[in-house]
Protein backbone atom coordinates (compact mmCIF):
# COMPACT_ATOMS: atom_id res chain seq x y z
CA UNK A 1 -13.23 -24.18 0.09
CA UNK A 2 -15.02 -21.14 1.46
CA UNK A 3 -13.27 -17.93 0.40
CA UNK A 4 -12.86 -15.76 3.47
CA UNK A 5 -12.29 -12.10 2.59
CA UNK A 6 -11.20 -9.90 5.47
CA UNK A 7 -9.76 -6.40 5.88
CA UNK A 8 -6.11 -6.19 6.89
CA UNK A 9 -4.04 -3.14 7.77
CA UNK A 10 -0.46 -2.59 6.64
CA UNK A 11 1.79 0.10 8.12
CA UNK A 12 4.29 2.11 6.08
CA UNK A 13 7.63 3.25 7.42
CA UNK A 14 8.70 5.96 4.99
CA UNK A 15 9.00 6.51 1.27
CA UNK A 16 9.39 2.79 0.52
CA UNK A 17 8.03 -0.13 2.50
CA UNK A 18 8.14 -3.80 1.50
CA UNK A 19 5.39 -5.93 3.05
CA UNK A 20 4.05 -9.46 2.67
CA UNK A 21 0.49 -9.13 1.37
CA UNK A 22 -1.95 -11.78 0.24
CA UNK A 23 -2.05 -12.31 -3.53
CA UNK A 24 -4.95 -10.46 -5.16
CA UNK A 25 -5.17 -8.00 -2.25
CA UNK A 26 -7.65 -5.24 -3.08
CA UNK A 27 -6.31 -2.00 -1.63
CA UNK A 28 -9.15 0.08 -0.22
CA UNK A 29 -7.93 3.07 1.76
CA UNK A 30 -4.90 5.00 2.96
CA UNK A 31 -4.85 7.21 6.07
CA UNK A 32 -3.00 8.00 9.25
CA UNK A 33 -3.75 6.02 12.39
CA UNK A 34 -1.99 7.00 15.62
CA UNK A 35 0.56 9.00 13.62
CA UNK A 36 1.47 6.14 11.27
CA UNK A 37 0.58 6.07 7.57
CA UNK A 38 -1.42 2.88 6.98
CA UNK A 39 -3.02 1.09 4.03
CA UNK A 40 -6.09 -1.12 4.35
CA UNK A 41 -6.77 -3.98 1.95
CA UNK A 42 -9.40 -6.65 1.47
CA UNK A 43 -7.65 -10.02 1.29
CA UNK A 44 -8.35 -13.72 1.18
CA UNK A 45 -6.71 -14.68 4.47
CA UNK A 46 -6.02 -18.21 3.18
CA UNK A 47 -4.31 -17.08 -0.03
CA UNK A 48 -0.56 -17.27 -0.43
CA UNK A 49 1.36 -14.05 0.04
CA UNK A 50 3.77 -12.08 -2.09
CA UNK A 51 6.10 -9.20 -1.39
CA UNK A 52 4.59 -5.81 -2.22
CA UNK A 53 6.36 -2.47 -2.32
CA UNK A 54 4.39 0.51 -1.01
CA UNK A 55 5.73 3.86 -2.25
CA UNK A 56 4.83 7.24 -0.75
CA UNK A 57 5.25 10.32 -2.96
CA UNK A 58 4.66 13.93 -1.94
CA UNK A 59 2.70 16.37 -4.09
CA UNK A 60 5.05 18.12 -6.50
CA UNK A 61 7.67 15.36 -6.24
CA UNK A 62 8.63 13.07 -9.08
CA UNK A 63 7.10 9.60 -8.91
CA UNK A 64 10.18 7.35 -9.14
CA UNK A 65 7.98 4.26 -9.61
CA UNK A 66 5.83 5.05 -12.68
CA UNK A 67 4.82 1.38 -13.12
CA UNK A 68 3.23 1.25 -9.67
CA UNK A 69 -0.55 1.33 -9.19
CA UNK A 70 -2.22 4.14 -7.29
CA UNK A 71 -3.89 3.32 -3.94
CA UNK A 72 -4.92 6.71 -2.62
CA UNK A 73 -4.05 10.17 -1.30
CA UNK A 74 -3.95 11.37 2.29
CA UNK A 75 -3.58 14.86 3.74
CA UNK A 76 -1.28 15.24 6.72
CA UNK A 77 -0.86 19.02 7.03
CA UNK A 78 1.16 20.62 5.74
CA UNK A 79 1.84 17.62 3.47
CA UNK A 80 -0.23 15.65 0.96
CA UNK A 81 0.98 12.09 0.27
CA UNK A 82 0.11 9.78 -2.63
CA UNK A 83 0.54 6.03 -2.09
CA UNK A 84 1.28 3.45 -4.79
CA UNK A 85 1.93 -0.31 -4.80
CA UNK A 86 3.57 -2.90 -7.00
CA UNK A 87 4.81 -6.47 -6.61
CA UNK A 88 8.48 -6.66 -5.67
CA UNK A 89 9.09 -8.78 -8.81
CA UNK A 90 8.54 -5.57 -10.84
CA UNK A 91 11.31 -3.73 -9.02
CA UNK A 92 14.36 -3.03 -11.15
């Protein structure tokens, strides 16, 4: 089988967003597009998917999900947001 890696975009909808992402997604970038905070990832578009939680934390705020992995930071004046991810199976 030929592994097809493509870039997909996922939109967030607040502090916590649960999405279906391909397993082994490699998160690349976080930024605003048309006023919506988005995350881009390189994925194998034929891989099975899993539920992923995206968490958005403001500078100076406590990170309530310390087990999550960092994706990136984006400035959206006057705010600065930090985005993390983790599989839903880690959520307690």
